[in-house]
Amino acid sequence: MYLLTLKENKDEGAYAVQDKYGDKVLFLFEEEDDAIRYAMMLEDQEDKSMDVVEVDYELDIKTCKIHSYKYT
């Protein structure tokens, strides 16, 4: 499983967005290639440098639940 981080803020955690209800949503990717393509799209649209990080799926889900993050 893979997620995105901001290169300049890598130590601050995963990149998440707010949905229309104000909830934070974390994007998880099964394939590294998908994460890389999404990171490239964000870099083009938002002018932010992204990193793709491999993570443990179960640990990530637990972390999302602890911090009340949604994930997709």
Protein backbone atom coordinates (compact mmCIF):
# COMPACT_ATOMS: atom_id res chain seq x y z
CA MET A 1 0.00 0.00 0.00
CA TYR A 2 1.23 3.50 -0.82
CA LEU A 3 0.40 7.03 0.23
CA LEU A 4 1.62 10.52 -0.58
CA THR A 5 3.56 13.02 1.51
CA LEU A 6 4.74 16.53 0.76
CA LYS A 7 8.49 16.43 0.12
CA GLU A 8 9.21 19.52 2.20
CA ASN A 9 6.97 18.32 5.07
CA LYS A 10 7.61 14.57 4.92
CA ASP A 11 8.03 14.28 8.69
CA GLU A 12 4.59 15.85 9.27
CA GLY A 13 2.70 12.87 7.88
CA ALA A 14 0.63 11.86 4.92
CA TYR A 15 -0.94 14.20 2.40
CA ALA A 16 -4.71 14.42 2.97
CA VAL A 17 -7.46 16.62 1.57
CA GLN A 18 -10.64 17.97 3.11
CA ASP A 19 -13.94 16.83 1.68
CA LYS A 20 -16.97 19.10 1.33
CA TYR A 21 -17.93 18.33 4.95
CA GLY A 22 -14.54 19.38 6.33
CA ASP A 23 -13.39 15.82 7.04
CA LYS A 24 -9.81 14.87 6.20
CA VAL A 25 -9.49 12.11 3.60
CA LEU A 26 -6.32 10.11 3.03
CA PHE A 27 -5.72 8.54 -0.37
CA LEU A 28 -4.26 5.02 -0.25
CA PHE A 29 -3.02 3.30 -3.39
CA GLU A 30 -2.64 -0.42 -4.01
CA GLU A 31 -0.23 0.10 -6.90
CA GLU A 32 2.87 2.28 -6.71
CA ASP A 33 2.34 3.38 -10.33
CA ASP A 34 -1.09 4.77 -9.44
CA ALA A 35 0.37 6.72 -6.52
CA ILE A 36 3.14 8.10 -8.74
CA ARG A 37 0.66 9.23 -11.40
CA TYR A 38 -1.57 10.91 -8.81
CA ALA A 39 1.46 12.63 -7.26
CA MET A 40 2.46 13.93 -10.69
CA MET A 41 -1.06 15.29 -11.22
CA LEU A 42 -0.96 17.08 -7.85
CA GLU A 43 2.45 18.52 -8.60
CA ASP A 44 1.13 19.96 -11.86
CA GLN A 45 -2.12 21.31 -10.39
CA GLU A 46 -0.99 22.52 -6.97
CA ASP A 47 2.70 23.24 -7.56
CA LYS A 48 3.74 20.98 -4.65
CA SER A 49 6.50 18.38 -4.67
CA MET A 50 5.22 14.97 -3.57
CA ASP A 51 6.82 11.73 -2.41
CA VAL A 52 5.33 8.26 -2.66
CA VAL A 53 5.78 6.18 0.51
CA GLU A 54 5.13 2.49 0.97
CA VAL A 55 3.16 1.79 4.17
CA ASP A 56 1.68 -1.09 6.10
CA TYR A 57 -2.02 -1.21 5.21
CA GLU A 58 -3.30 -2.38 8.60
CA LEU A 59 -1.23 0.16 10.52
CA ASP A 60 -2.39 2.96 8.23
CA ILE A 61 -6.06 2.06 8.71
CA LYS A 62 -5.63 1.98 12.49
CA THR A 63 -3.92 5.39 12.37
CA CYS A 64 -6.77 6.83 10.28
CA LYS A 65 -9.32 5.57 12.79
CA ILE A 66 -7.37 6.98 15.76
CA HIS A 67 -7.23 10.45 14.14
CA SER A 68 -10.77 10.27 12.69
CA TYR A 69 -9.49 10.48 9.11
CA LYS A 70 -11.48 9.02 6.29
CA TYR A 71 -9.56 7.05 3.70
CA THR A 72 -10.12 5.85 0.20
